Amino acid sequence: MLDDAIAAIERQDYGTAAQLLQPLLQTSPDNPWVQFYAGKLYEGLGELESAQNVYRSLLKSVTNTKLLAQIRQGIQRLESLIQAQKQRGIAQAINEPSNHR
């Protein structure tokens, strides 16, 4: 079932991915791969803070080097996205006509 959830995330079918991951999160809450793909689901849904929380939590407990590398890549992606959002917000605030008096 995890493979099906992974495939759904990769094709950006987040509704299906959520349906497939939900039972796995209940039956295997300590499985780091299930947690990781839950983080990827949050990331795909734009819930960046939730994704970041999952990834950071996994960093503390995971020893699998392949998974650690993917977690670190996820955190780096999120940090870049969050920084870009902040920059866009600043640019919008600067360019907003009502802010020029």
C-alpha atoms as a PDB file:
ATOM      1  CA  MET A   1       0.000   0.000   0.000  1.00  0.00           C
ATOM      2  CA  LEU A   2       2.904   2.359   0.645  1.00  0.00           C
ATOM      3  CA  ASP A   3       4.048   1.907  -2.954  1.00  0.00           C
ATOM      4  CA  ASP A   4       0.596   2.977  -4.142  1.00  0.00           C
ATOM      5  CA  ALA A   5       0.715   6.053  -1.883  1.00  0.00           C
ATOM      6  CA  ILE A   6       4.171   6.929  -3.210  1.00  0.00           C
ATOM      7  CA  ALA A   7       2.917   6.614  -6.790  1.00  0.00           C
ATOM      8  CA  ALA A   8      -0.058   8.854  -5.976  1.00  0.00           C
ATOM      9  CA  ILE A   9       2.249  11.515  -4.477  1.00  0.00           C
ATOM     10  CA  GLU A  10       4.521  11.367  -7.510  1.00  0.00           C
ATOM     11  CA  ARG A  11       1.574  11.974  -9.848  1.00  0.00           C
ATOM     12  CA  GLN A  12       0.316  14.728  -7.502  1.00  0.00           C
ATOM     13  CA  ASP A  13      -2.894  12.848  -6.680  1.00  0.00           C
ATOM     14  CA  TYR A  14      -2.882  13.998  -3.084  1.00  0.00           C
ATOM     15  CA  GLY A  15      -6.436  12.902  -2.282  1.00  0.00           C
ATOM     16  CA  THR A  16      -5.633   9.300  -3.148  1.00  0.00           C
ATOM     17  CA  ALA A  17      -2.275   9.526  -1.387  1.00  0.00           C
ATOM     18  CA  ALA A  18      -3.981  10.749   1.792  1.00  0.00           C
ATOM     19  CA  GLN A  19      -6.508   7.904   1.655  1.00  0.00           C
ATOM     20  CA  LEU A  20      -3.716   5.359   1.233  1.00  0.00           C
ATOM     21  CA  LEU A  21      -1.438   6.829   3.898  1.00  0.00           C
ATOM     22  CA  GLN A  22      -4.086   7.264   6.588  1.00  0.00           C
ATOM     23  CA  PRO A  23      -4.411   3.563   7.466  1.00  0.00           C
ATOM     24  CA  LEU A  24      -0.625   3.152   7.308  1.00  0.00           C
ATOM     25  CA  LEU A  25      -0.153   6.013   9.751  1.00  0.00           C
ATOM     26  CA  GLN A  26      -2.523   4.239  12.142  1.00  0.00           C
ATOM     27  CA  THR A  27      -1.100   0.731  11.789  1.00  0.00           C
ATOM     28  CA  SER A  28       2.583   1.683  11.419  1.00  0.00           C
ATOM     29  CA  PRO A  29       3.020   5.079  13.085  1.00  0.00           C
ATOM     30  CA  ASP A  30       6.667   4.366  13.874  1.00  0.00           C
ATOM     31  CA  ASN A  31       7.619   3.402  10.320  1.00  0.00           C
ATOM     32  CA  PRO A  32       9.966   6.199   9.198  1.00  0.00           C
ATOM     33  CA  TRP A  33       9.135   5.667   5.504  1.00  0.00           C
ATOM     34  CA  VAL A  34       5.422   6.099   6.199  1.00  0.00           C
ATOM     35  CA  GLN A  35       6.222   9.261   8.163  1.00  0.00           C
ATOM     36  CA  PHE A  36       8.488  10.544   5.405  1.00  0.00           C
ATOM     37  CA  TYR A  37       5.798  10.151   2.759  1.00  0.00           C
ATOM     38  CA  ALA A  38       3.290  11.813   5.063  1.00  0.00           C
ATOM     39  CA  GLY A  39       5.727  14.736   5.089  1.00  0.00           C
ATOM     40  CA  LYS A  40       5.901  14.649   1.286  1.00  0.00           C
ATOM     41  CA  LEU A  41       2.094  14.671   1.195  1.00  0.00           C
ATOM     42  CA  TYR A  42       2.003  17.746   3.447  1.00  0.00           C
ATOM     43  CA  GLU A  43       4.597  19.347   1.222  1.00  0.00           C
ATOM     44  CA  GLY A  44       2.527  18.655  -1.894  1.00  0.00           C
ATOM     45  CA  LEU A  45      -0.568  20.072  -0.219  1.00  0.00           C
ATOM     46  CA  GLY A  46       1.319  23.267   0.587  1.00  0.00           C
ATOM     47  CA  GLU A  47       1.252  22.586   4.339  1.00  0.00           C
ATOM     48  CA  LEU A  48       4.892  23.537   4.623  1.00  0.00           C
ATOM     49  CA  GLU A  49       5.053  23.884   8.394  1.00  0.00           C
ATOM     50  CA  SER A  50       3.531  20.425   8.914  1.00  0.00           C
ATOM     51  CA  ALA A  51       5.936  18.926   6.393  1.00  0.00           C
ATOM     52  CA  GLN A  52       8.864  20.638   8.063  1.00  0.00           C
ATOM     53  CA  ASN A  53       7.775  19.327  11.478  1.00  0.00           C
ATOM     54  CA  VAL A  54       7.605  15.756  10.158  1.00  0.00           C
ATOM     55  CA  TYR A  55      11.008  15.991   8.484  1.00  0.00           C
ATOM     56  CA  ARG A  56      12.692  17.548  11.510  1.00  0.00           C
ATOM     57  CA  SER A  57      11.195  14.932  13.807  1.00  0.00           C
ATOM     58  CA  LEU A  58      12.481  12.166  11.544  1.00  0.00           C
ATOM     59  CA  LEU A  59      15.995  13.637  11.556  1.00  0.00           C
ATOM     60  CA  LYS A  60      16.197  12.865  15.265  1.00  0.00           C
ATOM     61  CA  SER A  61      15.378   9.173  14.946  1.00  0.00           C
ATOM     62  CA  VAL A  62      16.341   7.908  11.497  1.00  0.00           C
ATOM     63  CA  THR A  63      19.632   6.113  10.879  1.00  0.00           C
ATOM     64  CA  ASN A  64      19.014   4.898   7.298  1.00  0.00           C
ATOM     65  CA  THR A  65      21.393   7.003   5.187  1.00  0.00           C
ATOM     66  CA  LYS A  66      19.193   6.886   2.077  1.00  0.00           C
ATOM     67  CA  LEU A  67      16.203   8.152   4.026  1.00  0.00           C
ATOM     68  CA  LEU A  68      18.304  10.755   5.857  1.00  0.00           C
ATOM     69  CA  ALA A  69      19.477  12.163   2.533  1.00  0.00           C
ATOM     70  CA  GLN A  70      15.891  12.447   1.300  1.00  0.00           C
ATOM     71  CA  ILE A  71      14.774  14.089   4.544  1.00  0.00           C
ATOM     72  CA  ARG A  72      17.566  16.655   4.287  1.00  0.00           C
ATOM     73  CA  GLN A  73      16.613  17.368   0.676  1.00  0.00           C
ATOM     74  CA  GLY A  74      13.021  17.875   1.792  1.00  0.00           C
ATOM     75  CA  ILE A  75      14.051  20.319   4.501  1.00  0.00           C
ATOM     76  CA  GLN A  76      16.210  22.214   2.023  1.00  0.00           C
ATOM     77  CA  ARG A  77      13.317  22.373  -0.482  1.00  0.00           C
ATOM     78  CA  LEU A  78      10.989  23.676   2.209  1.00  0.00           C
ATOM     79  CA  GLU A  79      13.448  26.289   3.404  1.00  0.00           C
ATOM     80  CA  SER A  80      13.814  27.537  -0.170  1.00  0.00           C
ATOM     81  CA  LEU A  81      10.032  27.657  -0.649  1.00  0.00           C
ATOM     82  CA  ILE A  82       9.483  29.471   2.641  1.00  0.00           C
ATOM     83  CA  GLN A  83      12.226  31.995   1.812  1.00  0.00           C
ATOM     84  CA  ALA A  84      10.709  32.590  -1.645  1.00  0.00           C
ATOM     85  CA  GLN A  85       7.281  33.145  -0.074  1.00  0.00           C
ATOM     86  CA  LYS A  86       8.753  35.688   2.340  1.00  0.00           C
ATOM     87  CA  GLN A  87      10.499  37.501  -0.520  1.00  0.00           C
ATOM     88  CA  ARG A  88       7.260  37.623  -2.536  1.00  0.00           C
ATOM     89  CA  GLY A  89       5.422  38.981   0.493  1.00  0.00           C
ATOM     90  CA  ILE A  90       8.013  41.707   0.970  1.00  0.00           C
ATOM     91  CA  ALA A  91       7.909  42.607  -2.719  1.00  0.00           C
ATOM     92  CA  GLN A  92       4.105  42.763  -2.643  1.00  0.00           C
ATOM     93  CA  ALA A  93       4.147  44.984   0.432  1.00  0.00           C
ATOM     94  CA  ILE A  94       6.650  47.331  -1.168  1.00  0.00           C
ATOM     95  CA  ASN A  95       4.709  47.530  -4.419  1.00  0.00           C
ATOM     96  CA  GLU A  96       1.273  47.910  -2.804  1.00  0.00           C
ATOM     97  CA  PRO A  97       0.044  51.432  -3.700  1.00  0.00           C
ATOM     98  CA  SER A  98      -1.669  51.869  -0.328  1.00  0.00           C
ATOM     99  CA  ASN A  99       1.703  51.509   1.391  1.00  0.00           C
ATOM    100  CA  HIS A 100       3.070  54.613  -0.388  1.00  0.00           C
ATOM    101  CA  ARG A 101       2.005  57.786   1.354  1.00  0.00           C
END
